[in-house]
Amino acid sequence: MTETPLDSTTGLPVRLLHDRLLVREDADSERRSAAGIVIPATAQMGRRLHWAEAVGVGPLVRSVENGDRVLFDPEDKAEVEIQGRTYILLRERDIHAVAAKRVDNDGTGLYL
């Protein structure tokens, strides 16, 4: 399981409110093509969504749990630094997809 981020001033665990998610973006900024060619992060290929790991969820979040990978639009993000690490704060409605072992393939999805 992922460790809970702590506030850098008080050292207390961060508790998210309402439908907020705290995620840590994947550190790998370079991508590889199917043939193994490295595509640098500076190469622009149109609008591209990013994956991140959820490290904190608010009490009203229904579709995401800590440790899930979520797909989001990087243009809709708000960054926050906690203990020297950069996290992204999102609303649940800004998440496009969830990748987790508990996700049911037969479900139709959750519409908010």
PDB file of N, CA and C in Angstrom:
ATOM      1  N   MET A   1       0.844  -1.186   0.000  1.00  0.00           N
ATOM      2  CA  MET A   1       0.000   0.000   0.000  1.00  0.00           C
ATOM      3  C   MET A   1       0.883   1.241   0.000  1.00  0.00           C
ATOM      4  N   THR A   2       0.380   2.331  -0.469  1.00  0.00           N
ATOM      5  CA  THR A   2       1.153   3.562  -0.521  1.00  0.00           C
ATOM      6  C   THR A   2       1.170   4.215   0.848  1.00  0.00           C
ATOM      7  N   GLU A   3       2.215   4.983   1.103  1.00  0.00           N
ATOM      8  CA  GLU A   3       2.284   5.674   2.384  1.00  0.00           C
ATOM      9  C   GLU A   3       1.512   6.985   2.317  1.00  0.00           C
ATOM     10  N   THR A   4       0.922   7.380   3.432  1.00  0.00           N
ATOM     11  CA  THR A   4       0.111   8.588   3.490  1.00  0.00           C
ATOM     12  C   THR A   4       1.008   9.819   3.549  1.00  0.00           C
ATOM     13  N   PRO A   5       0.778  10.820   2.691  1.00  0.00           N
ATOM     14  CA  PRO A   5       1.572  12.053   2.746  1.00  0.00           C
ATOM     15  C   PRO A   5       1.327  12.790   4.062  1.00  0.00           C
ATOM     16  N   LEU A   6       2.384  13.402   4.580  1.00  0.00           N
ATOM     17  CA  LEU A   6       2.300  14.163   5.819  1.00  0.00           C
ATOM     18  C   LEU A   6       2.530  15.637   5.531  1.00  0.00           C
ATOM     19  N   ASP A   7       1.845  16.507   6.270  1.00  0.00           N
ATOM     20  CA  ASP A   7       2.034  17.945   6.153  1.00  0.00           C
ATOM     21  C   ASP A   7       3.443  18.288   6.597  1.00  0.00           C
ATOM     22  N   SER A   8       4.165  19.088   5.807  1.00  0.00           N
ATOM     23  CA  SER A   8       5.565  19.380   6.112  1.00  0.00           C
ATOM     24  C   SER A   8       5.736  20.289   7.321  1.00  0.00           C
ATOM     25  N   THR A   9       4.728  21.055   7.707  1.00  0.00           N
ATOM     26  CA  THR A   9       4.841  21.946   8.858  1.00  0.00           C
ATOM     27  C   THR A   9       4.489  21.230  10.157  1.00  0.00           C
ATOM     28  N   THR A  10       3.365  20.517  10.176  1.00  0.00           N
ATOM     29  CA  THR A  10       2.899  19.883  11.414  1.00  0.00           C
ATOM     30  C   THR A  10       3.302  18.420  11.540  1.00  0.00           C
ATOM     31  N   GLY A  11       3.625  17.776  10.410  1.00  0.00           N
ATOM     32  CA  GLY A  11       3.942  16.355  10.440  1.00  0.00           C
ATOM     33  C   GLY A  11       2.718  15.469  10.561  1.00  0.00           C
ATOM     34  N   LEU A  12       1.534  16.061  10.455  1.00  0.00           N
ATOM     35  CA  LEU A  12       0.285  15.308  10.563  1.00  0.00           C
ATOM     36  C   LEU A  12      -0.135  14.765   9.201  1.00  0.00           C
ATOM     37  N   PRO A  13      -0.847  13.640   9.182  1.00  0.00           N
ATOM     38  CA  PRO A  13      -1.336  13.115   7.899  1.00  0.00           C
ATOM     39  C   PRO A  13      -2.279  14.100   7.224  1.00  0.00           C
ATOM     40  N   VAL A  14      -2.221  14.145   5.902  1.00  0.00           N
ATOM     41  CA  VAL A  14      -3.093  15.010   5.116  1.00  0.00           C
ATOM     42  C   VAL A  14      -4.407  14.273   4.888  1.00  0.00           C
ATOM     43  N   ARG A  15      -5.524  14.917   5.255  1.00  0.00           N
ATOM     44  CA  ARG A  15      -6.861  14.349   5.056  1.00  0.00           C
ATOM     45  C   ARG A  15      -7.565  15.171   3.994  1.00  0.00           C
ATOM     46  N   LEU A  16      -7.937  14.539   2.918  1.00  0.00           N
ATOM     47  CA  LEU A  16      -8.604  15.236   1.828  1.00  0.00           C
ATOM     48  C   LEU A  16     -10.089  15.362   2.117  1.00  0.00           C
ATOM     49  N   LEU A  17     -10.681  16.425   1.610  1.00  0.00           N
ATOM     50  CA  LEU A  17     -12.091  16.698   1.837  1.00  0.00           C
ATOM     51  C   LEU A  17     -12.906  16.433   0.576  1.00  0.00           C
ATOM     52  N   HIS A  18     -14.162  16.117   0.776  1.00  0.00           N
ATOM     53  CA  HIS A  18     -15.170  15.983  -0.284  1.00  0.00           C
ATOM     54  C   HIS A  18     -14.746  14.994  -1.364  1.00  0.00           C
ATOM     55  N   ASP A  19     -14.749  15.419  -2.635  1.00  0.00           N
ATOM     56  CA  ASP A  19     -14.459  14.502  -3.747  1.00  0.00           C
ATOM     57  C   ASP A  19     -13.054  14.707  -4.300  1.00  0.00           C
ATOM     58  N   ARG A  20     -12.124  15.089  -3.434  1.00  0.00           N
ATOM     59  CA  ARG A  20     -10.759  15.380  -3.881  1.00  0.00           C
ATOM     60  C   ARG A  20      -9.878  14.131  -3.849  1.00  0.00           C
ATOM     61  N   LEU A  21      -8.920  14.093  -4.772  1.00  0.00           N
ATOM     62  CA  LEU A  21      -7.923  13.026  -4.868  1.00  0.00           C
ATOM     63  C   LEU A  21      -6.540  13.648  -4.838  1.00  0.00           C
ATOM     64  N   LEU A  22      -5.619  13.013  -4.157  1.00  0.00           N
ATOM     65  CA  LEU A  22      -4.216  13.404  -4.186  1.00  0.00           C
ATOM     66  C   LEU A  22      -3.484  12.288  -4.909  1.00  0.00           C
ATOM     67  N   VAL A  23      -2.816  12.626  -6.015  1.00  0.00           N
ATOM     68  CA  VAL A  23      -2.148  11.608  -6.822  1.00  0.00           C
ATOM     69  C   VAL A  23      -0.683  11.967  -7.023  1.00  0.00           C
ATOM     70  N   ARG A  24       0.112  10.938  -7.256  1.00  0.00           N
ATOM     71  CA  ARG A  24       1.530  11.117  -7.563  1.00  0.00           C
ATOM     72  C   ARG A  24       1.727  10.659  -8.998  1.00  0.00           C
ATOM     73  N   GLU A  25       2.163  11.604  -9.843  1.00  0.00           N
ATOM     74  CA  GLU A  25       2.343  11.307 -11.266  1.00  0.00           C
ATOM     75  C   GLU A  25       3.535  10.385 -11.460  1.00  0.00           C
ATOM     76  N   ASP A  26       3.447   9.525 -12.475  1.00  0.00           N
ATOM     77  CA  ASP A  26       4.547   8.629 -12.793  1.00  0.00           C
ATOM     78  C   ASP A  26       5.798   9.445 -13.084  1.00  0.00           C
ATOM     79  N   ALA A  27       6.923   9.005 -12.537  1.00  0.00           N
ATOM     80  CA  ALA A  27       8.171   9.759 -12.663  1.00  0.00           C
ATOM     81  C   ALA A  27       8.782   9.671 -14.054  1.00  0.00           C
ATOM     82  N   ASP A  28       8.438   8.655 -14.808  1.00  0.00           N
ATOM     83  CA  ASP A  28       9.039   8.450 -16.119  1.00  0.00           C
ATOM     84  C   ASP A  28       8.490   9.463 -17.118  1.00  0.00           C
ATOM     85  N   SER A  29       9.320  10.429 -17.513  1.00  0.00           N
ATOM     86  CA  SER A  29       8.859  11.463 -18.437  1.00  0.00           C
ATOM     87  C   SER A  29       9.099  11.080 -19.894  1.00  0.00           C
ATOM     88  N   GLU A  30       9.957  10.079 -20.138  1.00  0.00           N
ATOM     89  CA  GLU A  30      10.203   9.638 -21.500  1.00  0.00           C
ATOM     90  C   GLU A  30       9.304   8.454 -21.824  1.00  0.00           C
ATOM     91  N   ARG A  31       8.855   8.395 -23.060  1.00  0.00           N
ATOM     92  CA  ARG A  31       8.040   7.278 -23.515  1.00  0.00           C
ATOM     93  C   ARG A  31       8.831   6.505 -24.546  1.00  0.00           C
ATOM     94  N   ARG A  32       8.421   5.266 -24.762  1.00  0.00           N
ATOM     95  CA  ARG A  32       9.046   4.429 -25.792  1.00  0.00           C
ATOM     96  C   ARG A  32       7.976   3.990 -26.781  1.00  0.00           C
ATOM     97  N   SER A  33       8.366   3.977 -28.039  1.00  0.00           N
ATOM     98  CA  SER A  33       7.453   3.466 -29.069  1.00  0.00           C
ATOM     99  C   SER A  33       7.414   1.951 -28.978  1.00  0.00           C
ATOM    100  N   ALA A  34       6.520   1.333 -29.734  1.00  0.00           N
ATOM    101  CA  ALA A  34       6.424  -0.126 -29.742  1.00  0.00           C
ATOM    102  C   ALA A  34       7.723  -0.759 -30.223  1.00  0.00           C
ATOM    103  N   ALA A  35       8.481  -0.044 -31.051  1.00  0.00           N
ATOM    104  CA  ALA A  35       9.755  -0.555 -31.557  1.00  0.00           C
ATOM    105  C   ALA A  35      10.911  -0.277 -30.608  1.00  0.00           C
ATOM    106  N   GLY A  36      10.662   0.423 -29.491  1.00  0.00           N
ATOM    107  CA  GLY A  36      11.706   0.692 -28.515  1.00  0.00           C
ATOM    108  C   GLY A  36      12.401   2.032 -28.681  1.00  0.00           C
ATOM    109  N   ILE A  37      11.935   2.864 -29.586  1.00  0.00           N
ATOM    110  CA  ILE A  37      12.537   4.182 -29.790  1.00  0.00           C
ATOM    111  C   ILE A  37      12.091   5.104 -28.667  1.00  0.00           C
ATOM    112  N   VAL A  38      13.049   5.827 -28.043  1.00  0.00           N
ATOM    113  CA  VAL A  38      12.745   6.745 -26.944  1.00  0.00           C
ATOM    114  C   VAL A  38      12.136   8.021 -27.506  1.00  0.00           C
ATOM    115  N   ILE A  39      10.983   8.399 -26.951  1.00  0.00           N
ATOM    116  CA  ILE A  39      10.305   9.642 -27.334  1.00  0.00           C
ATOM    117  C   ILE A  39      10.456  10.602 -26.169  1.00  0.00           C
ATOM    118  N   PRO A  40      11.219  11.702 -26.321  1.00  0.00           N
ATOM    119  CA  PRO A  40      11.451  12.610 -25.194  1.00  0.00           C
ATOM    120  C   PRO A  40      10.174  13.311 -24.747  1.00  0.00           C
ATOM    121  N   ALA A  41      10.184  13.770 -23.496  1.00  0.00           N
ATOM    122  CA  ALA A  41       9.015  14.439 -22.922  1.00  0.00           C
ATOM    123  C   ALA A  41       8.697  15.740 -23.643  1.00  0.00           C
ATOM    124  N   THR A  42       9.695  16.335 -24.312  1.00  0.00           N
ATOM    125  CA  THR A  42       9.481  17.608 -25.007  1.00  0.00           C
ATOM    126  C   THR A  42       8.758  17.437 -26.334  1.00  0.00           C
ATOM    127  N   ALA A  43       8.671  16.210 -26.845  1.00  0.00           N
ATOM    128  CA  ALA A  43       7.981  15.967 -28.119  1.00  0.00           C
ATOM    129  C   ALA A  43       6.477  16.114 -27.908  1.00  0.00           C
ATOM    130  N   GLN A  44       5.855  17.019 -28.634  1.00  0.00           N
ATOM    131  CA  GLN A  44       4.421  17.247 -28.516  1.00  0.00           C
ATOM    132  C   GLN A  44       3.690  16.447 -29.571  1.00  0.00           C
ATOM    133  N   MET A  45       2.728  15.651 -29.127  1.00  0.00           N
ATOM    134  CA  MET A  45       1.970  14.810 -30.056  1.00  0.00           C
ATOM    135  C   MET A  45       0.482  15.074 -29.906  1.00  0.00           C
ATOM    136  N   GLY A  46       0.103  16.286 -29.633  1.00  0.00           N
ATOM    137  CA  GLY A  46      -1.303  16.577 -29.404  1.00  0.00           C
ATOM    138  C   GLY A  46      -1.641  16.418 -27.930  1.00  0.00           C
ATOM    139  N   ARG A  47      -2.902  16.481 -27.637  1.00  0.00           N
ATOM    140  CA  ARG A  47      -3.355  16.361 -26.243  1.00  0.00           C
ATOM    141  C   ARG A  47      -3.184  14.929 -25.768  1.00  0.00           C
ATOM    142  N   ARG A  48      -2.470  14.752 -24.656  1.00  0.00           N
ATOM    143  CA  ARG A  48      -2.161  13.426 -24.151  1.00  0.00           C
ATOM    144  C   ARG A  48      -2.503  13.350 -22.672  1.00  0.00           C
ATOM    145  N   LEU A  49      -3.261  12.324 -22.286  1.00  0.00           N
ATOM    146  CA  LEU A  49      -3.619  12.112 -20.893  1.00  0.00           C
ATOM    147  C   LEU A  49      -2.475  11.421 -20.163  1.00  0.00           C
ATOM    148  N   HIS A  50      -2.426  11.588 -18.831  1.00  0.00           N
ATOM    149  CA  HIS A  50      -1.353  11.013 -18.020  1.00  0.00           C
ATOM    150  C   HIS A  50      -1.925  10.050 -16.986  1.00  0.00           C
ATOM    151  N   TRP A  51      -1.091   9.080 -16.573  1.00  0.00           N
ATOM    152  CA  TRP A  51      -1.435   8.155 -15.500  1.00  0.00           C
ATOM    153  C   TRP A  51      -0.756   8.605 -14.221  1.00  0.00           C
ATOM    154  N   ALA A  52      -1.416   8.361 -13.088  1.00  0.00           N
ATOM    155  CA  ALA A  52      -0.847   8.674 -11.782  1.00  0.00           C
ATOM    156  C   ALA A  52      -1.402   7.689 -10.756  1.00  0.00           C
ATOM    157  N   GLU A  53      -0.732   7.598  -9.612  1.00  0.00           N
ATOM    158  CA  GLU A  53      -1.169   6.713  -8.533  1.00  0.00           C
ATOM    159  C   GLU A  53      -1.877   7.527  -7.459  1.00  0.00           C
ATOM    160  N   ALA A  54      -3.052   7.082  -7.046  1.00  0.00           N
ATOM    161  CA  ALA A  54      -3.797   7.762  -5.983  1.00  0.00           C
ATOM    162  C   ALA A  54      -3.140   7.456  -4.639  1.00  0.00           C
ATOM    163  N   VAL A  55      -2.781   8.505  -3.904  1.00  0.00           N
ATOM    164  CA  VAL A  55      -2.168   8.334  -2.582  1.00  0.00           C
ATOM    165  C   VAL A  55      -3.070   8.851  -1.473  1.00  0.00           C
ATOM    166  N   GLY A  56      -4.150   9.510  -1.838  1.00  0.00           N
ATOM    167  CA  GLY A  56      -5.116   9.995  -0.859  1.00  0.00           C
ATOM    168  C   GLY A  56      -6.451  10.255  -1.528  1.00  0.00           C
ATOM    169  N   VAL A  57      -7.540   9.875  -0.873  1.00  0.00           N
ATOM    170  CA  VAL A  57      -8.880  10.107  -1.422  1.00  0.00           C
ATOM    171  C   VAL A  57      -9.778  10.708  -0.354  1.00  0.00           C
ATOM    172  N   GLY A  58     -10.648  11.607  -0.781  1.00  0.00           N
ATOM    173  CA  GLY A  58     -11.608  12.223   0.125  1.00  0.00           C
ATOM    174  C   GLY A  58     -12.761  11.288   0.438  1.00  0.00           C
ATOM    175  N   PRO A  59     -13.589  11.634   1.445  1.00  0.00           N
ATOM    176  CA  PRO A  59     -14.670  10.751   1.882  1.00  0.00           C
ATOM    177  C   PRO A  59     -15.806  10.583   0.872  1.00  0.00           C
ATOM    178  N   LEU A  60     -15.952  11.497  -0.081  1.00  0.00           N
ATOM    179  CA  LEU A  60     -17.034  11.389  -1.059  1.00  0.00           C
ATOM    180  C   LEU A  60     -16.595  10.745  -2.373  1.00  0.00           C
ATOM    181  N   VAL A  61     -15.349  10.324  -2.471  1.00  0.00           N
ATOM    182  CA  VAL A  61     -14.858   9.652  -3.677  1.00  0.00           C
ATOM    183  C   VAL A  61     -15.396   8.230  -3.681  1.00  0.00           C
ATOM    184  N   ARG A  62     -16.056   7.843  -4.793  1.00  0.00           N
ATOM    185  CA  ARG A  62     -16.716   6.535  -4.846  1.00  0.00           C
ATOM    186  C   ARG A  62     -16.004   5.521  -5.728  1.00  0.00           C
ATOM    187  N   SER A  63     -15.208   5.971  -6.696  1.00  0.00           N
ATOM    188  CA  SER A  63     -14.664   5.048  -7.688  1.00  0.00           C
ATOM    189  C   SER A  63     -13.168   4.788  -7.571  1.00  0.00           C
ATOM    190  N   VAL A  64     -12.492   5.492  -6.673  1.00  0.00           N
ATOM    191  CA  VAL A  64     -11.037   5.385  -6.578  1.00  0.00           C
ATOM    192  C   VAL A  64     -10.654   5.082  -5.138  1.00  0.00           C
ATOM    193  N   GLU A  65      -9.650   4.212  -4.966  1.00  0.00           N
ATOM    194  CA  GLU A  65      -9.090   3.911  -3.651  1.00  0.00           C
ATOM    195  C   GLU A  65      -7.589   4.176  -3.688  1.00  0.00           C
ATOM    196  N   ASN A  66      -6.974   4.321  -2.513  1.00  0.00           N
ATOM    197  CA  ASN A  66      -5.528   4.484  -2.436  1.00  0.00           C
ATOM    198  C   ASN A  66      -4.842   3.341  -3.167  1.00  0.00           C
ATOM    199  N   GLY A  67      -3.831   3.665  -3.945  1.00  0.00           N
ATOM    200  CA  GLY A  67      -3.087   2.664  -4.686  1.00  0.00           C
ATOM    201  C   GLY A  67      -3.579   2.442  -6.106  1.00  0.00           C
ATOM    202  N   ASP A  68      -4.774   2.928  -6.455  1.00  0.00           N
ATOM    203  CA  ASP A  68      -5.288   2.798  -7.818  1.00  0.00           C
ATOM    204  C   ASP A  68      -4.503   3.717  -8.756  1.00  0.00           C
ATOM    205  N   ARG A  69      -4.434   3.322 -10.012  1.00  0.00           N
ATOM    206  CA  ARG A  69      -3.868   4.203 -11.039  1.00  0.00           C
ATOM    207  C   ARG A  69      -5.030   4.889 -11.736  1.00  0.00           C
ATOM    208  N   VAL A  70      -4.894   6.196 -11.925  1.00  0.00           N
ATOM    209  CA  VAL A  70      -5.966   6.984 -12.538  1.00  0.00           C
ATOM    210  C   VAL A  70      -5.438   7.720 -13.764  1.00  0.00           C
ATOM    211  N   LEU A  71      -6.326   7.919 -14.727  1.00  0.00           N
ATOM    212  CA  LEU A  71      -6.007   8.624 -15.961  1.00  0.00           C
ATOM    213  C   LEU A  71      -6.656  10.000 -15.903  1.00  0.00           C
ATOM    214  N   PHE A  72      -5.846  11.046 -16.149  1.00  0.00           N
ATOM    215  CA  PHE A  72      -6.367  12.415 -16.045  1.00  0.00           C
ATOM    216  C   PHE A  72      -5.716  13.300 -17.100  1.00  0.00           C
ATOM    217  N   ASP A  73      -6.309  14.468 -17.319  1.00  0.00           N
ATOM    218  CA  ASP A  73      -5.792  15.460 -18.251  1.00  0.00           C
ATOM    219  C   ASP A  73      -4.818  16.353 -17.490  1.00  0.00           C
ATOM    220  N   PRO A  74      -3.546  16.417 -17.888  1.00  0.00           N
ATOM    221  CA  PRO A  74      -2.571  17.222 -17.145  1.00  0.00           C
ATOM    222  C   PRO A  74      -2.849  18.721 -17.180  1.00  0.00           C
ATOM    223  N   GLU A  75      -3.709  19.172 -18.088  1.00  0.00           N
ATOM    224  CA  GLU A  75      -4.038  20.596 -18.127  1.00  0.00           C
ATOM    225  C   GLU A  75      -5.034  20.975 -17.035  1.00  0.00           C
ATOM    226  N   ASP A  76      -5.690  19.993 -16.417  1.00  0.00           N
ATOM    227  CA  ASP A  76      -6.682  20.251 -15.370  1.00  0.00           C
ATOM    228  C   ASP A  76      -6.126  20.020 -13.968  1.00  0.00           C
ATOM    229  N   LYS A  77      -4.827  20.107 -13.790  1.00  0.00           N
ATOM    230  CA  LYS A  77      -4.242  19.730 -12.503  1.00  0.00           C
ATOM    231  C   LYS A  77      -3.832  20.943 -11.678  1.00  0.00           C
ATOM    232  N   ALA A  78      -3.824  20.734 -10.366  1.00  0.00           N
ATOM    233  CA  ALA A  78      -3.288  21.707  -9.420  1.00  0.00           C
ATOM    234  C   ALA A  78      -2.213  20.983  -8.616  1.00  0.00           C
ATOM    235  N   GLU A  79      -0.995  21.509  -8.602  1.00  0.00           N
ATOM    236  CA  GLU A  79       0.108  20.846  -7.915  1.00  0.00           C
ATOM    237  C   GLU A  79       0.273  21.387  -6.508  1.00  0.00           C
ATOM    238  N   VAL A  80       0.734  20.492  -5.612  1.00  0.00           N
ATOM    239  CA  VAL A  80       1.027  20.873  -4.242  1.00  0.00           C
ATOM    240  C   VAL A  80       2.285  20.121  -3.815  1.00  0.00           C
ATOM    241  N   GLU A  81       3.137  20.766  -3.029  1.00  0.00           N
ATOM    242  CA  GLU A  81       4.348  20.121  -2.538  1.00  0.00           C
ATOM    243  C   GLU A  81       4.150  19.740  -1.081  1.00  0.00           C
ATOM    244  N   ILE A  82       4.384  18.472  -0.770  1.00  0.00           N
ATOM    245  CA  ILE A  82       4.272  17.959   0.594  1.00  0.00           C
ATOM    246  C   ILE A  82       5.541  17.183   0.892  1.00  0.00           C
ATOM    247  N   GLN A  83       6.260  17.590   1.915  1.00  0.00           N
ATOM    248  CA  GLN A  83       7.514  16.952   2.310  1.00  0.00           C
ATOM    249  C   GLN A  83       8.497  16.838   1.156  1.00  0.00           C
ATOM    250  N   GLY A  84       8.599  17.869   0.337  1.00  0.00           N
ATOM    251  CA  GLY A  84       9.552  17.889  -0.755  1.00  0.00           C
ATOM    252  C   GLY A  84       9.143  17.095  -1.986  1.00  0.00           C
ATOM    253  N   ARG A  85       7.984  16.473  -1.975  1.00  0.00           N
ATOM    254  CA  ARG A  85       7.485  15.726  -3.135  1.00  0.00           C
ATOM    255  C   ARG A  85       6.322  16.486  -3.742  1.00  0.00           C
ATOM    256  N   THR A  86       6.222  16.440  -5.047  1.00  0.00           N
ATOM    257  CA  THR A  86       5.139  17.123  -5.751  1.00  0.00           C
ATOM    258  C   THR A  86       3.995  16.151  -5.997  1.00  0.00           C
ATOM    259  N   TYR A  87       2.796  16.569  -5.593  1.00  0.00           N
ATOM    260  CA  TYR A  87       1.575  15.794  -5.797  1.00  0.00           C
ATOM    261  C   TYR A  87       0.610  16.627  -6.627  1.00  0.00           C
ATOM    262  N   ILE A  88      -0.403  15.971  -7.157  1.00  0.00           N
ATOM    263  CA  ILE A  88      -1.426  16.646  -7.954  1.00  0.00           C
ATOM    264  C   ILE A  88      -2.763  16.470  -7.248  1.00  0.00           C
ATOM    265  N   LEU A  89      -3.505  17.558  -7.123  1.00  0.00           N
ATOM    266  CA  LEU A  89      -4.823  17.547  -6.498  1.00  0.00           C
ATOM    267  C   LEU A  89      -5.877  17.603  -7.606  1.00  0.00           C
ATOM    268  N   LEU A  90      -6.782  16.620  -7.596  1.00  0.00           N
ATOM    269  CA  LEU A  90      -7.824  16.516  -8.619  1.00  0.00           C
ATOM    270  C   LEU A  90      -9.178  16.308  -7.968  1.00  0.00           C
ATOM    271  N   ARG A  91     -10.239  16.559  -8.714  1.00  0.00           N
ATOM    272  CA  ARG A  91     -11.593  16.174  -8.303  1.00  0.00           C
ATOM    273  C   ARG A  91     -11.900  14.837  -8.963  1.00  0.00           C
ATOM    274  N   GLU A  92     -12.768  14.057  -8.345  1.00  0.00           N
ATOM    275  CA  GLU A  92     -13.094  12.748  -8.904  1.00  0.00           C
ATOM    276  C   GLU A  92     -13.675  12.871 -10.310  1.00  0.00           C
ATOM    277  N   ARG A  93     -14.439  13.905 -10.567  1.00  0.00           N
ATOM    278  CA  ARG A  93     -15.058  14.053 -11.893  1.00  0.00           C
ATOM    279  C   ARG A  93     -14.036  14.366 -12.989  1.00  0.00           C
ATOM    280  N   ASP A  94     -12.805  14.740 -12.612  1.00  0.00           N
ATOM    281  CA  ASP A  94     -11.753  15.014 -13.591  1.00  0.00           C
ATOM    282  C   ASP A  94     -10.978  13.757 -13.978  1.00  0.00           C
ATOM    283  N   ILE A  95     -11.312  12.624 -13.380  1.00  0.00           N
ATOM    284  CA  ILE A  95     -10.649  11.358 -13.686  1.00  0.00           C
ATOM    285  C   ILE A  95     -11.366  10.705 -14.866  1.00  0.00           C
ATOM    286  N   HIS A  96     -10.597  10.257 -15.845  1.00  0.00           N
ATOM    287  CA  HIS A  96     -11.173   9.629 -17.040  1.00  0.00           C
ATOM    288  C   HIS A  96     -11.275   8.114 -16.920  1.00  0.00           C
ATOM    289  N   ALA A  97     -10.365   7.484 -16.155  1.00  0.00           N
ATOM    290  CA  ALA A  97     -10.378   6.028 -16.023  1.00  0.00           C
ATOM    291  C   ALA A  97      -9.632   5.630 -14.752  1.00  0.00           C
ATOM    292  N   VAL A  98      -9.962   4.432 -14.256  1.00  0.00           N
ATOM    293  CA  VAL A  98      -9.311   3.866 -13.072  1.00  0.00           C
ATOM    294  C   VAL A  98      -8.784   2.494 -13.444  1.00  0.00           C
ATOM    295  N   ALA A  99      -7.534   2.226 -13.088  1.00  0.00           N
ATOM    296  CA  ALA A  99      -6.943   0.904 -13.306  1.00  0.00           C
ATOM    297  C   ALA A  99      -6.685   0.284 -11.935  1.00  0.00           C
ATOM    298  N   ALA A 100      -7.403  -0.817 -11.639  1.00  0.00           N
ATOM    299  CA  ALA A 100      -7.259  -1.511 -10.361  1.00  0.00           C
ATOM    300  C   ALA A 100      -7.711  -2.946 -10.538  1.00  0.00           C
ATOM    301  N   LYS A 101      -7.205  -3.840  -9.704  1.00  0.00           N
ATOM    302  CA  LYS A 101      -7.572  -5.255  -9.796  1.00  0.00           C
ATOM    303  C   LYS A 101      -9.049  -5.479  -9.502  1.00  0.00           C
ATOM    304  N   ARG A 102      -9.675  -4.604  -8.709  1.00  0.00           N
ATOM    305  CA  ARG A 102     -11.064  -4.807  -8.325  1.00  0.00           C
ATOM    306  C   ARG A 102     -12.061  -4.307  -9.375  1.00  0.00           C
ATOM    307  N   VAL A 103     -11.584  -3.633 -10.444  1.00  0.00           N
ATOM    308  CA  VAL A 103     -12.470  -3.092 -11.472  1.00  0.00           C
ATOM    309  C   VAL A 103     -13.132  -4.250 -12.213  1.00  0.00           C
ATOM    310  N   ASP A 104     -14.453  -4.182 -12.343  1.00  0.00           N
ATOM    311  CA  ASP A 104     -15.243  -5.227 -12.976  1.00  0.00           C
ATOM    312  C   ASP A 104     -15.360  -4.977 -14.467  1.00  0.00           C
ATOM    313  N   ASN A 105     -15.017  -5.960 -15.264  1.00  0.00           N
ATOM    314  CA  ASN A 105     -15.088  -5.816 -16.730  1.00  0.00           C
ATOM    315  C   ASN A 105     -16.525  -5.801 -17.246  1.00  0.00           C
ATOM    316  N   ASP A 106     -17.461  -6.351 -16.486  1.00  0.00           N
ATOM    317  CA  ASP A 106     -18.843  -6.423 -16.944  1.00  0.00           C
ATOM    318  C   ASP A 106     -19.654  -5.184 -16.613  1.00  0.00           C
ATOM    319  N   GLY A 107     -19.136  -4.291 -15.777  1.00  0.00           N
ATOM    320  CA  GLY A 107     -19.884  -3.116 -15.355  1.00  0.00           C
ATOM    321  C   GLY A 107     -20.006  -2.092 -16.458  1.00  0.00           C
ATOM    322  N   THR A 108     -21.002  -1.251 -16.344  1.00  0.00           N
ATOM    323  CA  THR A 108     -21.230  -0.215 -17.349  1.00  0.00           C
ATOM    324  C   THR A 108     -20.560   1.088 -16.963  1.00  0.00           C
ATOM    325  N   GLY A 109     -19.995   1.173 -15.772  1.00  0.00           N
ATOM    326  CA  GLY A 109     -19.356   2.413 -15.349  1.00  0.00           C
ATOM    327  C   GLY A 109     -20.256   3.185 -14.407  1.00  0.00           C
ATOM    328  N   LEU A 110     -19.689   4.212 -13.815  1.00  0.00           N
ATOM    329  CA  LEU A 110     -20.412   5.036 -12.862  1.00  0.00           C
ATOM    330  C   LEU A 110     -20.550   6.429 -13.451  1.00  0.00           C
ATOM    331  N   TYR A 111     -21.755   6.897 -13.596  1.00  0.00           N
ATOM    332  CA  TYR A 111     -21.991   8.205 -14.172  1.00  0.00           C
ATOM    333  C   TYR A 111     -22.363   9.178 -13.067  1.00  0.00           C
ATOM    334  N   LEU A 112     -21.619  10.273 -12.989  1.00  0.00           N
ATOM    335  CA  LEU A 112     -21.871  11.261 -11.939  1.00  0.00           C
ATOM    336  C   LEU A 112     -22.653  12.427 -12.484  1.00  0.00           C
TER     337      LEU A 112
END
